Amino acid sequence: MQLLEDVVGAMVPASDDCISVFMDDGRYGPETLSLVRKDIAAIVGPCGQAQLELSHRLPGLQIADVLANTFFNRAMVTERQARMAAIVAPYLESGQIKLRLLLGDAEGDNQNRE
């Protein structure tokens, strides 16, 4: 939930403008998507909305999906980990992409660390 709050919260304007948050409809089951939409609705308020879309239909969403999947695979201890790290290294080094680690303690409170 912290990652969702961090990402969506950064998109919510300081004013009372309504926003739409697009989610990839192709990766998770309906139950999970329903829970995520509910969480997003709580973050964006009564005026905003969370919309489902297939990532290949929206270029920005497709890029976000590829980046998220790459960083997920970079974090996993598998034979792909080094390859994924090498792919994103130039973007991290140039500052085009920032990596933030979200850590939680034993009681479930999360802390940000850059």
PDB file of N, CA and C in Angstrom:
ATOM      1  N   MET A   1       0.823  -1.192   0.000  1.00  0.00           N
ATOM      2  CA  MET A   1       0.000   0.000   0.000  1.00  0.00           C
ATOM      3  C   MET A   1       0.867   1.256   0.000  1.00  0.00           C
ATOM      4  N   GLN A   2       2.031   1.200   0.635  1.00  0.00           N
ATOM      5  CA  GLN A   2       2.879   2.386   0.690  1.00  0.00           C
ATOM      6  C   GLN A   2       3.329   2.813  -0.701  1.00  0.00           C
ATOM      7  N   LEU A   3       3.683   1.856  -1.541  1.00  0.00           N
ATOM      8  CA  LEU A   3       4.104   2.186  -2.895  1.00  0.00           C
ATOM      9  C   LEU A   3       2.967   2.860  -3.644  1.00  0.00           C
ATOM     10  N   LEU A   4       1.779   2.326  -3.517  1.00  0.00           N
ATOM     11  CA  LEU A   4       0.614   2.910  -4.170  1.00  0.00           C
ATOM     12  C   LEU A   4       0.359   4.328  -3.664  1.00  0.00           C
ATOM     13  N   GLU A   5       0.404   4.531  -2.364  1.00  0.00           N
ATOM     14  CA  GLU A   5       0.213   5.868  -1.794  1.00  0.00           C
ATOM     15  C   GLU A   5       1.289   6.824  -2.274  1.00  0.00           C
ATOM     16  N   ASP A   6       2.512   6.363  -2.351  1.00  0.00           N
ATOM     17  CA  ASP A   6       3.634   7.197  -2.769  1.00  0.00           C
ATOM     18  C   ASP A   6       3.474   7.631  -4.227  1.00  0.00           C
ATOM     19  N   VAL A   7       3.184   6.676  -5.095  1.00  0.00           N
ATOM     20  CA  VAL A   7       3.093   6.962  -6.525  1.00  0.00           C
ATOM     21  C   VAL A   7       1.843   7.762  -6.850  1.00  0.00           C
ATOM     22  N   VAL A   8       0.694   7.302  -6.413  1.00  0.00           N
ATOM     23  CA  VAL A   8      -0.550   7.994  -6.723  1.00  0.00           C
ATOM     24  C   VAL A   8      -0.601   9.335  -5.999  1.00  0.00           C
ATOM     25  N   GLY A   9      -0.144   9.377  -4.768  1.00  0.00           N
ATOM     26  CA  GLY A   9      -0.128  10.629  -4.022  1.00  0.00           C
ATOM     27  C   GLY A   9       0.688  11.709  -4.717  1.00  0.00           C
ATOM     28  N   ALA A  10       1.765  11.324  -5.389  1.00  0.00           N
ATOM     29  CA  ALA A  10       2.587  12.286  -6.119  1.00  0.00           C
ATOM     30  C   ALA A  10       1.860  12.843  -7.332  1.00  0.00           C
ATOM     31  N   MET A  11       0.881  12.130  -7.838  1.00  0.00           N
ATOM     32  CA  MET A  11       0.122  12.586  -9.006  1.00  0.00           C
ATOM     33  C   MET A  11      -1.067  13.458  -8.627  1.00  0.00           C
ATOM     34  N   VAL A  12      -1.506  13.387  -7.385  1.00  0.00           N
ATOM     35  CA  VAL A  12      -2.671  14.151  -6.955  1.00  0.00           C
ATOM     36  C   VAL A  12      -2.258  15.613  -6.799  1.00  0.00           C
ATOM     37  N   PRO A  13      -2.917  16.505  -7.532  1.00  0.00           N
ATOM     38  CA  PRO A  13      -2.550  17.917  -7.430  1.00  0.00           C
ATOM     39  C   PRO A  13      -2.926  18.498  -6.070  1.00  0.00           C
ATOM     40  N   ALA A  14      -2.246  19.572  -5.708  1.00  0.00           N
ATOM     41  CA  ALA A  14      -2.528  20.232  -4.433  1.00  0.00           C
ATOM     42  C   ALA A  14      -3.919  20.864  -4.446  1.00  0.00           C
ATOM     43  N   SER A  15      -4.415  21.188  -5.627  1.00  0.00           N
ATOM     44  CA  SER A  15      -5.752  21.772  -5.736  1.00  0.00           C
ATOM     45  C   SER A  15      -6.801  20.662  -5.682  1.00  0.00           C
ATOM     46  N   ASP A  16      -8.036  21.035  -5.870  1.00  0.00           N
ATOM     47  CA  ASP A  16      -9.125  20.065  -5.837  1.00  0.00           C
ATOM     48  C   ASP A  16      -9.456  19.503  -7.210  1.00  0.00           C
ATOM     49  N   ASP A  17      -8.516  19.563  -8.144  1.00  0.00           N
ATOM     50  CA  ASP A  17      -8.763  19.047  -9.487  1.00  0.00           C
ATOM     51  C   ASP A  17      -8.992  17.543  -9.447  1.00  0.00           C
ATOM     52  N   CYS A  18      -9.844  17.079 -10.338  1.00  0.00           N
ATOM     53  CA  CYS A  18     -10.102  15.640 -10.454  1.00  0.00           C
ATOM     54  C   CYS A  18      -9.022  15.012 -11.334  1.00  0.00           C
ATOM     55  N   ILE A  19      -8.610  13.818 -10.980  1.00  0.00           N
ATOM     56  CA  ILE A  19      -7.629  13.105 -11.807  1.00  0.00           C
ATOM     57  C   ILE A  19      -8.132  11.704 -12.089  1.00  0.00           C
ATOM     58  N   SER A  20      -7.605  11.135 -13.158  1.00  0.00           N
ATOM     59  CA  SER A  20      -7.850   9.735 -13.473  1.00  0.00           C
ATOM     60  C   SER A  20      -6.529   9.000 -13.388  1.00  0.00           C
ATOM     61  N   VAL A  21      -6.537   7.873 -12.738  1.00  0.00           N
ATOM     62  CA  VAL A  21      -5.358   7.021 -12.630  1.00  0.00           C
ATOM     63  C   VAL A  21      -5.644   5.779 -13.456  1.00  0.00           C
ATOM     64  N   PHE A  22      -4.760   5.482 -14.403  1.00  0.00           N
ATOM     65  CA  PHE A  22      -4.944   4.316 -15.255  1.00  0.00           C
ATOM     66  C   PHE A  22      -4.125   3.155 -14.718  1.00  0.00           C
ATOM     67  N   MET A  23      -4.757   1.998 -14.661  1.00  0.00           N
ATOM     68  CA  MET A  23      -4.113   0.779 -14.173  1.00  0.00           C
ATOM     69  C   MET A  23      -4.110  -0.254 -15.291  1.00  0.00           C
ATOM     70  N   ASP A  24      -3.064  -1.051 -15.334  1.00  0.00           N
ATOM     71  CA  ASP A  24      -2.970  -2.123 -16.324  1.00  0.00           C
ATOM     72  C   ASP A  24      -3.986  -3.207 -15.985  1.00  0.00           C
ATOM     73  N   ASP A  25      -4.860  -3.479 -16.927  1.00  0.00           N
ATOM     74  CA  ASP A  25      -5.916  -4.462 -16.743  1.00  0.00           C
ATOM     75  C   ASP A  25      -5.458  -5.882 -17.085  1.00  0.00           C
ATOM     76  N   GLY A  26      -4.266  -6.028 -17.608  1.00  0.00           N
ATOM     77  CA  GLY A  26      -3.856  -7.326 -18.098  1.00  0.00           C
ATOM     78  C   GLY A  26      -2.974  -8.155 -17.194  1.00  0.00           C
ATOM     79  N   ARG A  27      -2.614  -7.651 -16.033  1.00  0.00           N
ATOM     80  CA  ARG A  27      -1.634  -8.363 -15.224  1.00  0.00           C
ATOM     81  C   ARG A  27      -2.228  -9.109 -14.037  1.00  0.00           C
ATOM     82  N   TYR A  28      -3.313  -8.618 -13.453  1.00  0.00           N
ATOM     83  CA  TYR A  28      -3.849  -9.214 -12.233  1.00  0.00           C
ATOM     84  C   TYR A  28      -5.299  -9.642 -12.430  1.00  0.00           C
ATOM     85  N   GLY A  29      -5.769 -10.466 -11.519  1.00  0.00           N
ATOM     86  CA  GLY A  29      -7.143 -10.939 -11.560  1.00  0.00           C
ATOM     87  C   GLY A  29      -8.122  -9.878 -11.096  1.00  0.00           C
ATOM     88  N   PRO A  30      -9.408 -10.099 -11.340  1.00  0.00           N
ATOM     89  CA  PRO A  30     -10.435  -9.109 -11.001  1.00  0.00           C
ATOM     90  C   PRO A  30     -10.491  -8.755  -9.512  1.00  0.00           C
ATOM     91  N   GLU A  31     -10.246  -9.719  -8.639  1.00  0.00           N
ATOM     92  CA  GLU A  31     -10.298  -9.440  -7.203  1.00  0.00           C
ATOM     93  C   GLU A  31      -9.191  -8.478  -6.791  1.00  0.00           C
ATOM     94  N   THR A  32      -7.988  -8.735  -7.282  1.00  0.00           N
ATOM     95  CA  THR A  32      -6.855  -7.858  -6.965  1.00  0.00           C
ATOM     96  C   THR A  32      -7.076  -6.470  -7.545  1.00  0.00           C
ATOM     97  N   LEU A  33      -7.527  -6.401  -8.791  1.00  0.00           N
ATOM     98  CA  LEU A  33      -7.770  -5.107  -9.421  1.00  0.00           C
ATOM     99  C   LEU A  33      -8.837  -4.316  -8.666  1.00  0.00           C
ATOM    100  N   SER A  34      -9.841  -4.998  -8.186  1.00  0.00           N
ATOM    101  CA  SER A  34     -10.890  -4.337  -7.416  1.00  0.00           C
ATOM    102  C   SER A  34     -10.329  -3.721  -6.137  1.00  0.00           C
ATOM    103  N   LEU A  35      -9.471  -4.456  -5.451  1.00  0.00           N
ATOM    104  CA  LEU A  35      -8.849  -3.934  -4.225  1.00  0.00           C
ATOM    105  C   LEU A  35      -7.953  -2.735  -4.516  1.00  0.00           C
ATOM    106  N   VAL A  36      -7.182  -2.814  -5.596  1.00  0.00           N
ATOM    107  CA  VAL A  36      -6.287  -1.712  -5.946  1.00  0.00           C
ATOM    108  C   VAL A  36      -7.108  -0.485  -6.339  1.00  0.00           C
ATOM    109  N   ARG A  37      -8.162  -0.681  -7.112  1.00  0.00           N
ATOM    110  CA  ARG A  37      -9.024   0.448  -7.490  1.00  0.00           C
ATOM    111  C   ARG A  37      -9.615   1.110  -6.248  1.00  0.00           C
ATOM    112  N   LYS A  38     -10.017   0.310  -5.274  1.00  0.00           N
ATOM    113  CA  LYS A  38     -10.581   0.846  -4.037  1.00  0.00           C
ATOM    114  C   LYS A  38      -9.529   1.678  -3.304  1.00  0.00           C
ATOM    115  N   ASP A  39      -8.307   1.176  -3.233  1.00  0.00           N
ATOM    116  CA  ASP A  39      -7.229   1.916  -2.573  1.00  0.00           C
ATOM    117  C   ASP A  39      -6.924   3.224  -3.303  1.00  0.00           C
ATOM    118  N   ILE A  40      -6.900   3.172  -4.631  1.00  0.00           N
ATOM    119  CA  ILE A  40      -6.637   4.388  -5.412  1.00  0.00           C
ATOM    120  C   ILE A  40      -7.762   5.399  -5.200  1.00  0.00           C
ATOM    121  N   ALA A  41      -8.997   4.921  -5.189  1.00  0.00           N
ATOM    122  CA  ALA A  41     -10.139   5.819  -4.972  1.00  0.00           C
ATOM    123  C   ALA A  41     -10.014   6.542  -3.637  1.00  0.00           C
ATOM    124  N   ALA A  42      -9.527   5.857  -2.624  1.00  0.00           N
ATOM    125  CA  ALA A  42      -9.349   6.485  -1.312  1.00  0.00           C
ATOM    126  C   ALA A  42      -8.270   7.568  -1.369  1.00  0.00           C
ATOM    127  N   ILE A  43      -7.258   7.370  -2.200  1.00  0.00           N
ATOM    128  CA  ILE A  43      -6.159   8.335  -2.301  1.00  0.00           C
ATOM    129  C   ILE A  43      -6.569   9.559  -3.124  1.00  0.00           C
ATOM    130  N   VAL A  44      -7.262   9.347  -4.253  1.00  0.00           N
ATOM    131  CA  VAL A  44      -7.589  10.469  -5.139  1.00  0.00           C
ATOM    132  C   VAL A  44      -8.842  11.215  -4.714  1.00  0.00           C
ATOM    133  N   GLY A  45      -9.607  10.664  -3.798  1.00  0.00           N
ATOM    134  CA  GLY A  45     -10.780  11.359  -3.285  1.00  0.00           C
ATOM    135  C   GLY A  45     -12.015  11.137  -4.141  1.00  0.00           C
ATOM    136  N   PRO A  46     -13.111  11.771  -3.751  1.00  0.00           N
ATOM    137  CA  PRO A  46     -14.391  11.510  -4.410  1.00  0.00           C
ATOM    138  C   PRO A  46     -14.465  11.986  -5.850  1.00  0.00           C
ATOM    139  N   CYS A  47     -13.598  12.897  -6.225  1.00  0.00           N
ATOM    140  CA  CYS A  47     -13.650  13.448  -7.575  1.00  0.00           C
ATOM    141  C   CYS A  47     -12.827  12.625  -8.565  1.00  0.00           C
ATOM    142  N   GLY A  48     -11.827  11.909  -8.095  1.00  0.00           N
ATOM    143  CA  GLY A  48     -10.942  11.161  -8.978  1.00  0.00           C
ATOM    144  C   GLY A  48     -11.464   9.778  -9.267  1.00  0.00           C
ATOM    145  N   GLN A  49     -10.756   9.075 -10.132  1.00  0.00           N
ATOM    146  CA  GLN A  49     -11.154   7.715 -10.467  1.00  0.00           C
ATOM    147  C   GLN A  49      -9.962   6.885 -10.890  1.00  0.00           C
ATOM    148  N   ALA A  50     -10.111   5.581 -10.742  1.00  0.00           N
ATOM    149  CA  ALA A  50      -9.115   4.626 -11.219  1.00  0.00           C
ATOM    150  C   ALA A  50      -9.742   3.866 -12.380  1.00  0.00           C
ATOM    151  N   GLN A  51      -9.095   3.925 -13.525  1.00  0.00           N
ATOM    152  CA  GLN A  51      -9.625   3.285 -14.718  1.00  0.00           C
ATOM    153  C   GLN A  51      -8.720   2.140 -15.135  1.00  0.00           C
ATOM    154  N   LEU A  52      -9.345   1.060 -15.586  1.00  0.00           N
ATOM    155  CA  LEU A  52      -8.599  -0.082 -16.096  1.00  0.00           C
ATOM    156  C   LEU A  52      -8.385   0.092 -17.593  1.00  0.00           C
ATOM    157  N   GLU A  53      -7.187  -0.241 -18.037  1.00  0.00           N
ATOM    158  CA  GLU A  53      -6.858  -0.166 -19.455  1.00  0.00           C
ATOM    159  C   GLU A  53      -5.760  -1.181 -19.728  1.00  0.00           C
ATOM    160  N   LEU A  54      -5.747  -1.748 -20.898  1.00  0.00           N
ATOM    161  CA  LEU A  54      -4.659  -2.650 -21.278  1.00  0.00           C
ATOM    162  C   LEU A  54      -3.439  -1.795 -21.614  1.00  0.00           C
ATOM    163  N   SER A  55      -2.299  -2.158 -21.066  1.00  0.00           N
ATOM    164  CA  SER A  55      -1.125  -1.291 -21.185  1.00  0.00           C
ATOM    165  C   SER A  55      -0.703  -1.072 -22.629  1.00  0.00           C
ATOM    166  N   HIS A  56      -0.953  -2.025 -23.519  1.00  0.00           N
ATOM    167  CA  HIS A  56      -0.536  -1.828 -24.899  1.00  0.00           C
ATOM    168  C   HIS A  56      -1.398  -0.794 -25.633  1.00  0.00           C
ATOM    169  N   ARG A  57      -2.477  -0.325 -25.004  1.00  0.00           N
ATOM    170  CA  ARG A  57      -3.323   0.705 -25.613  1.00  0.00           C
ATOM    171  C   ARG A  57      -2.910   2.120 -25.224  1.00  0.00           C
ATOM    172  N   LEU A  58      -2.159   2.261 -24.156  1.00  0.00           N
ATOM    173  CA  LEU A  58      -1.713   3.580 -23.694  1.00  0.00           C
ATOM    174  C   LEU A  58      -0.193   3.578 -23.589  1.00  0.00           C
ATOM    175  N   PRO A  59       0.492   4.338 -24.452  1.00  0.00           N
ATOM    176  CA  PRO A  59       1.967   4.306 -24.448  1.00  0.00           C
ATOM    177  C   PRO A  59       2.589   4.579 -23.087  1.00  0.00           C
ATOM    178  N   GLY A  60       2.110   5.565 -22.352  1.00  0.00           N
ATOM    179  CA  GLY A  60       2.687   5.868 -21.042  1.00  0.00           C
ATOM    180  C   GLY A  60       2.499   4.730 -20.058  1.00  0.00           C
ATOM    181  N   LEU A  61       1.330   4.110 -20.100  1.00  0.00           N
ATOM    182  CA  LEU A  61       1.060   2.973 -19.220  1.00  0.00           C
ATOM    183  C   LEU A  61       1.914   1.781 -19.601  1.00  0.00           C
ATOM    184  N   GLN A  62       2.142   1.590 -20.882  1.00  0.00           N
ATOM    185  CA  GLN A  62       2.980   0.480 -21.321  1.00  0.00           C
ATOM    186  C   GLN A  62       4.419   0.675 -20.850  1.00  0.00           C
ATOM    187  N   ILE A  63       4.919   1.895 -20.939  1.00  0.00           N
ATOM    188  CA  ILE A  63       6.278   2.170 -20.456  1.00  0.00           C
ATOM    189  C   ILE A  63       6.356   1.926 -18.954  1.00  0.00           C
ATOM    190  N   ALA A  64       5.371   2.404 -18.215  1.00  0.00           N
ATOM    191  CA  ALA A  64       5.347   2.192 -16.761  1.00  0.00           C
ATOM    192  C   ALA A  64       5.303   0.705 -16.440  1.00  0.00           C
ATOM    193  N   ASP A  65       4.545  -0.063 -17.212  1.00  0.00           N
ATOM    194  CA  ASP A  65       4.443  -1.498 -16.999  1.00  0.00           C
ATOM    195  C   ASP A  65       5.787  -2.182 -17.243  1.00  0.00           C
ATOM    196  N   VAL A  66       6.457  -1.801 -18.311  1.00  0.00           N
ATOM    197  CA  VAL A  66       7.767  -2.386 -18.627  1.00  0.00           C
ATOM    198  C   VAL A  66       8.779  -2.035 -17.531  1.00  0.00           C
ATOM    199  N   LEU A  67       8.796  -0.773 -17.105  1.00  0.00           N
ATOM    200  CA  LEU A  67       9.728  -0.368 -16.046  1.00  0.00           C
ATOM    201  C   LEU A  67       9.450  -1.104 -14.745  1.00  0.00           C
ATOM    202  N   ALA A  68       8.188  -1.180 -14.365  1.00  0.00           N
ATOM    203  CA  ALA A  68       7.841  -1.874 -13.123  1.00  0.00           C
ATOM    204  C   ALA A  68       8.250  -3.336 -13.191  1.00  0.00           C
ATOM    205  N   ASN A  69       8.002  -3.974 -14.311  1.00  0.00           N
ATOM    206  CA  ASN A  69       8.365  -5.382 -14.464  1.00  0.00           C
ATOM    207  C   ASN A  69       9.885  -5.567 -14.448  1.00  0.00           C
ATOM    208  N   THR A  70      10.599  -4.638 -15.065  1.00  0.00           N
ATOM    209  CA  THR A  70      12.060  -4.718 -15.072  1.00  0.00           C
ATOM    210  C   THR A  70      12.617  -4.584 -13.660  1.00  0.00           C
ATOM    211  N   PHE A  71      12.116  -3.610 -12.892  1.00  0.00           N
ATOM    212  CA  PHE A  71      12.604  -3.433 -11.524  1.00  0.00           C
ATOM    213  C   PHE A  71      12.185  -4.593 -10.632  1.00  0.00           C
ATOM    214  N   PHE A  72      11.008  -5.151 -10.875  1.00  0.00           N
ATOM    215  CA  PHE A  72      10.593  -6.334 -10.119  1.00  0.00           C
ATOM    216  C   PHE A  72      11.581  -7.473 -10.368  1.00  0.00           C
ATOM    217  N   ASN A  73      11.916  -7.709 -11.629  1.00  0.00           N
ATOM    218  CA  ASN A  73      12.864  -8.772 -11.966  1.00  0.00           C
ATOM    219  C   ASN A  73      14.278  -8.450 -11.500  1.00  0.00           C
ATOM    220  N   ARG A  74      14.608  -7.174 -11.414  1.00  0.00           N
ATOM    221  CA  ARG A  74      15.917  -6.765 -10.890  1.00  0.00           C
ATOM    222  C   ARG A  74      16.023  -7.114  -9.411  1.00  0.00           C
ATOM    223  N   ALA A  75      14.919  -7.027  -8.696  1.00  0.00           N
ATOM    224  CA  ALA A  75      14.917  -7.288  -7.255  1.00  0.00           C
ATOM    225  C   ALA A  75      14.882  -8.781  -6.928  1.00  0.00           C
ATOM    226  N   MET A  76      14.392  -9.586  -7.837  1.00  0.00           N
ATOM    227  CA  MET A  76      14.282 -11.025  -7.594  1.00  0.00           C
ATOM    228  C   MET A  76      15.642 -11.698  -7.760  1.00  0.00           C
ATOM    229  N   VAL A  77      15.922 -12.651  -6.915  1.00  0.00           N
ATOM    230  CA  VAL A  77      17.180 -13.388  -7.016  1.00  0.00           C
ATOM    231  C   VAL A  77      16.954 -14.542  -7.987  1.00  0.00           C
ATOM    232  N   THR A  78      17.220 -14.248  -9.263  1.00  0.00           N
ATOM    233  CA  THR A  78      17.075 -15.241 -10.326  1.00  0.00           C
ATOM    234  C   THR A  78      18.218 -15.051 -11.318  1.00  0.00           C
ATOM    235  N   GLU A  79      18.228 -15.873 -12.342  1.00  0.00           N
ATOM    236  CA  GLU A  79      19.253 -15.752 -13.374  1.00  0.00           C
ATOM    237  C   GLU A  79      19.075 -14.474 -14.195  1.00  0.00           C
ATOM    238  N   ARG A  80      17.908 -13.825 -14.120  1.00  0.00           N
ATOM    239  CA  ARG A  80      17.635 -12.598 -14.874  1.00  0.00           C
ATOM    240  C   ARG A  80      18.041 -11.333 -14.122  1.00  0.00           C
ATOM    241  N   GLN A  81      18.333 -11.451 -12.844  1.00  0.00           N
ATOM    242  CA  GLN A  81      18.585 -10.283 -12.006  1.00  0.00           C
ATOM    243  C   GLN A  81      19.714  -9.403 -12.552  1.00  0.00           C
ATOM    244  N   ALA A  82      20.831  -9.969 -12.884  1.00  0.00           N
ATOM    245  CA  ALA A  82      21.977  -9.183 -13.367  1.00  0.00           C
ATOM    246  C   ALA A  82      21.655  -8.501 -14.694  1.00  0.00           C
ATOM    247  N   ARG A  83      20.946  -9.200 -15.559  1.00  0.00           N
ATOM    248  CA  ARG A  83      20.573  -8.628 -16.851  1.00  0.00           C
ATOM    249  C   ARG A  83      19.629  -7.435 -16.670  1.00  0.00           C
ATOM    250  N   MET A  84      18.681  -7.562 -15.780  1.00  0.00           N
ATOM    251  CA  MET A  84      17.738  -6.466 -15.520  1.00  0.00           C
ATOM    252  C   MET A  84      18.468  -5.275 -14.909  1.00  0.00           C
ATOM    253  N   ALA A  85      19.397  -5.539 -14.000  1.00  0.00           N
ATOM    254  CA  ALA A  85      20.179  -4.458 -13.388  1.00  0.00           C
ATOM    255  C   ALA A  85      20.997  -3.726 -14.451  1.00  0.00           C
ATOM    256  N   ALA A  86      21.559  -4.466 -15.393  1.00  0.00           N
ATOM    257  CA  ALA A  86      22.350  -3.857 -16.463  1.00  0.00           C
ATOM    258  C   ALA A  86      21.478  -3.003 -17.381  1.00  0.00           C
ATOM    259  N   ILE A  87      20.249  -3.419 -17.605  1.00  0.00           N
ATOM    260  CA  ILE A  87      19.344  -2.661 -18.471  1.00  0.00           C
ATOM    261  C   ILE A  87      19.005  -1.306 -17.860  1.00  0.00           C
ATOM    262  N   VAL A  88      18.719  -1.281 -16.569  1.00  0.00           N
ATOM    263  CA  VAL A  88      18.291  -0.023 -15.944  1.00  0.00           C
ATOM    264  C   VAL A  88      19.453   0.831 -15.426  1.00  0.00           C
ATOM    265  N   ALA A  89      20.657   0.274 -15.349  1.00  0.00           N
ATOM    266  CA  ALA A  89      21.804   1.006 -14.797  1.00  0.00           C
ATOM    267  C   ALA A  89      22.031   2.375 -15.452  1.00  0.00           C
ATOM    268  N   PRO A  90      22.032   2.487 -16.781  1.00  0.00           N
ATOM    269  CA  PRO A  90      22.277   3.815 -17.380  1.00  0.00           C
ATOM    270  C   PRO A  90      21.223   4.854 -16.994  1.00  0.00           C
ATOM    271  N   TYR A  91      19.990   4.422 -16.840  1.00  0.00           N
ATOM    272  CA  TYR A  91      18.911   5.344 -16.464  1.00  0.00           C
ATOM    273  C   TYR A  91      19.041   5.783 -15.004  1.00  0.00           C
ATOM    274  N   LEU A  92      19.452   4.861 -14.158  1.00  0.00           N
ATOM    275  CA  LEU A  92      19.673   5.204 -12.752  1.00  0.00           C
ATOM    276  C   LEU A  92      20.870   6.141 -12.619  1.00  0.00           C
ATOM    277  N   GLU A  93      21.962   5.827 -13.319  1.00  0.00           N
ATOM    278  CA  GLU A  93      23.180   6.628 -13.223  1.00  0.00           C
ATOM    279  C   GLU A  93      22.985   8.041 -13.755  1.00  0.00           C
ATOM    280  N   SER A  94      22.145   8.196 -14.784  1.00  0.00           N
ATOM    281  CA  SER A  94      21.899   9.521 -15.366  1.00  0.00           C
ATOM    282  C   SER A  94      20.849  10.313 -14.600  1.00  0.00           C
ATOM    283  N   GLY A  95      20.153   9.662 -13.681  1.00  0.00           N
ATOM    284  CA  GLY A  95      19.111  10.338 -12.918  1.00  0.00           C
ATOM    285  C   GLY A  95      17.761  10.369 -13.617  1.00  0.00           C
ATOM    286  N   GLN A  96      17.652   9.724 -14.789  1.00  0.00           N
ATOM    287  CA  GLN A  96      16.372   9.697 -15.496  1.00  0.00           C
ATOM    288  C   GLN A  96      15.322   8.899 -14.728  1.00  0.00           C
ATOM    289  N   ILE A  97      15.774   7.903 -13.998  1.00  0.00           N
ATOM    290  CA  ILE A  97      14.904   7.090 -13.159  1.00  0.00           C
ATOM    291  C   ILE A  97      15.529   7.062 -11.771  1.00  0.00           C
ATOM    292  N   LYS A  98      14.695   7.190 -10.760  1.00  0.00           N
ATOM    293  CA  LYS A  98      15.187   7.107  -9.391  1.00  0.00           C
ATOM    294  C   LYS A  98      14.647   5.844  -8.750  1.00  0.00           C
ATOM    295  N   LEU A  99      15.487   5.171  -8.032  1.00  0.00           N
ATOM    296  CA  LEU A  99      15.117   3.961  -7.305  1.00  0.00           C
ATOM    297  C   LEU A  99      14.977   4.318  -5.845  1.00  0.00           C
ATOM    298  N   ARG A 100      13.825   4.006  -5.294  1.00  0.00           N
ATOM    299  CA  ARG A 100      13.595   4.219  -3.871  1.00  0.00           C
ATOM    300  C   ARG A 100      13.221   2.889  -3.257  1.00  0.00           C
ATOM    301  N   LEU A 101      13.833   2.601  -2.145  1.00  0.00           N
ATOM    302  CA  LEU A 101      13.521   1.378  -1.429  1.00  0.00           C
ATOM    303  C   LEU A 101      12.469   1.682  -0.379  1.00  0.00           C
ATOM    304  N   LEU A 102      11.421   0.894  -0.368  1.00  0.00           N
ATOM    305  CA  LEU A 102      10.380   1.033   0.638  1.00  0.00           C
ATOM    306  C   LEU A 102      10.570  -0.102   1.622  1.00  0.00           C
ATOM    307  N   LEU A 103      10.862   0.250   2.847  1.00  0.00           N
ATOM    308  CA  LEU A 103      11.155  -0.750   3.858  1.00  0.00           C
ATOM    309  C   LEU A 103      10.084  -0.724   4.927  1.00  0.00           C
ATOM    310  N   GLY A 104       9.778  -1.869   5.490  1.00  0.00           N
ATOM    311  CA  GLY A 104       8.834  -1.930   6.588  1.00  0.00           C
ATOM    312  C   GLY A 104       9.487  -2.565   7.795  1.00  0.00           C
ATOM    313  N   ASP A 105       9.062  -2.141   8.969  1.00  0.00           N
ATOM    314  CA  ASP A 105       9.594  -2.768  10.172  1.00  0.00           C
ATOM    315  C   ASP A 105       8.706  -3.944  10.568  1.00  0.00           C
ATOM    316  N   ALA A 106       9.037  -4.595  11.641  1.00  0.00           N
ATOM    317  CA  ALA A 106       8.334  -5.802  12.053  1.00  0.00           C
ATOM    318  C   ALA A 106       6.877  -5.538  12.415  1.00  0.00           C
ATOM    319  N   GLU A 107       6.541  -4.302  12.779  1.00  0.00           N
ATOM    320  CA  GLU A 107       5.175  -3.986  13.154  1.00  0.00           C
ATOM    321  C   GLU A 107       4.338  -3.496  11.988  1.00  0.00           C
ATOM    322  N   GLY A 108       4.926  -3.429  10.806  1.00  0.00           N
ATOM    323  CA  GLY A 108       4.177  -3.056   9.629  1.00  0.00           C
ATOM    324  C   GLY A 108       4.226  -1.584   9.251  1.00  0.00           C
ATOM    325  N   ASP A 109       4.871  -0.747  10.040  1.00  0.00           N
ATOM    326  CA  ASP A 109       5.019   0.643   9.656  1.00  0.00           C
ATOM    327  C   ASP A 109       6.110   0.720   8.611  1.00  0.00           C
ATOM    328  N   ASN A 110       5.848   1.433   7.528  1.00  0.00           N
ATOM    329  CA  ASN A 110       6.807   1.521   6.431  1.00  0.00           C
ATOM    330  C   ASN A 110       7.603   2.798   6.521  1.00  0.00           C
ATOM    331  N   GLN A 111       8.823   2.742   6.020  1.00  0.00           N
ATOM    332  CA  GLN A 111       9.700   3.907   5.981  1.00  0.00           C
ATOM    333  C   GLN A 111      10.272   4.018   4.585  1.00  0.00           C
ATOM    334  N   ASN A 112      10.462   5.256   4.104  1.00  0.00           N
ATOM    335  CA  ASN A 112      11.109   5.484   2.805  1.00  0.00           C
ATOM    336  C   ASN A 112      12.594   5.634   3.014  1.00  0.00           C
ATOM    337  N   ARG A 113      13.338   5.127   2.063  1.00  0.00           N
ATOM    338  CA  ARG A 113      14.784   5.343   2.053  1.00  0.00           C
ATOM    339  C   ARG A 113      15.193   5.509   0.614  1.00  0.00           C
ATOM    340  N   GLU A 114      15.880   6.616   0.291  1.00  0.00           N
ATOM    341  CA  GLU A 114      16.305   6.837  -1.078  1.00  0.00           C
ATOM    342  C   GLU A 114      17.712   6.347  -1.268  1.00  0.00           C
TER     343      GLU A 114
END
